[in-house]
């Protein structure tokens, strides 16, 4: 889901996402 990737990419680090995974820098 590229749309989701872009969405989470725009969010700050350490933020929880709908998938329940934390952003990996």
N, C-alpha and C. Protein backbone atom coordinates (compact mmCIF):
# COMPACT_ATOMS: atom_id res chain seq x y z
N UNK A 1 0.86 -1.21 0.00
CA UNK A 1 0.00 0.00 0.00
C UNK A 1 0.88 1.24 0.00
N UNK A 2 1.20 1.72 -1.17
CA UNK A 2 2.06 2.90 -1.28
C UNK A 2 1.39 4.10 -0.61
N UNK A 3 0.07 4.16 -0.67
CA UNK A 3 -0.65 5.28 -0.07
C UNK A 3 -0.38 5.32 1.43
N UNK A 4 -0.38 4.15 2.05
CA UNK A 4 -0.11 4.07 3.48
C UNK A 4 1.33 4.46 3.77
N UNK A 5 2.23 4.01 2.93
CA UNK A 5 3.65 4.32 3.12
C UNK A 5 3.88 5.82 3.09
N UNK A 6 3.25 6.49 2.14
CA UNK A 6 3.39 7.95 2.03
C UNK A 6 2.78 8.62 3.25
N UNK A 7 1.65 8.09 3.71
CA UNK A 7 0.96 8.67 4.86
C UNK A 7 1.85 8.60 6.11
N UNK A 8 2.41 7.41 6.38
CA UNK A 8 3.24 7.24 7.56
C UNK A 8 4.57 7.97 7.39
N UNK A 9 5.00 8.11 6.15
CA UNK A 9 6.26 8.79 5.88
C UNK A 9 6.16 10.26 6.24
N UNK A 10 4.96 10.82 6.16
CA UNK A 10 4.76 12.24 6.44
C UNK A 10 4.59 12.49 7.93
N UNK A 11 4.45 11.39 8.70
CA UNK A 11 4.25 11.54 10.14
C UNK A 11 5.59 11.55 10.87
N UNK A 12 5.63 12.17 12.05
CA UNK A 12 6.87 12.25 12.84
C UNK A 12 7.33 10.87 13.30
N UNK A 13 8.58 10.77 13.68
CA UNK A 13 9.12 9.49 14.11
C UNK A 13 8.54 9.07 15.46
N UNK A 14 8.49 7.77 15.70
CA UNK A 14 7.97 7.28 16.97
C UNK A 14 6.46 7.34 17.02
N UNK A 15 5.82 7.51 15.87
CA UNK A 15 4.36 7.58 15.85
C UNK A 15 3.79 6.23 15.48
N UNK A 16 2.68 5.88 16.11
CA UNK A 16 2.04 4.59 15.81
C UNK A 16 1.18 4.70 14.57
N UNK A 17 1.18 3.65 13.76
CA UNK A 17 0.44 3.67 12.50
C UNK A 17 -0.70 2.66 12.56
N UNK A 18 -1.66 2.80 11.64
CA UNK A 18 -2.82 1.91 11.56
C UNK A 18 -2.43 0.43 11.56
N UNK A 19 -1.30 0.12 10.94
CA UNK A 19 -0.85 -1.27 10.86
C UNK A 19 -0.32 -1.76 12.20
N UNK A 20 -0.10 -0.84 13.13
CA UNK A 20 0.39 -1.23 14.45
C UNK A 20 1.90 -1.35 14.48
N UNK A 21 2.55 -0.88 13.41
CA UNK A 21 4.01 -0.95 13.38
C UNK A 21 4.61 0.42 13.64
N UNK A 22 5.74 0.46 14.32
CA UNK A 22 6.39 1.74 14.57
C UNK A 22 7.31 2.08 13.41
N UNK A 23 7.47 3.37 13.16
CA UNK A 23 8.30 3.80 12.04
C UNK A 23 9.75 3.39 12.26
N UNK A 24 10.35 2.80 11.24
CA UNK A 24 11.76 2.41 11.34
C UNK A 24 12.60 3.39 10.56
N UNK A 25 13.52 4.05 11.23
CA UNK A 25 14.32 5.07 10.56
C UNK A 25 15.47 4.41 9.81
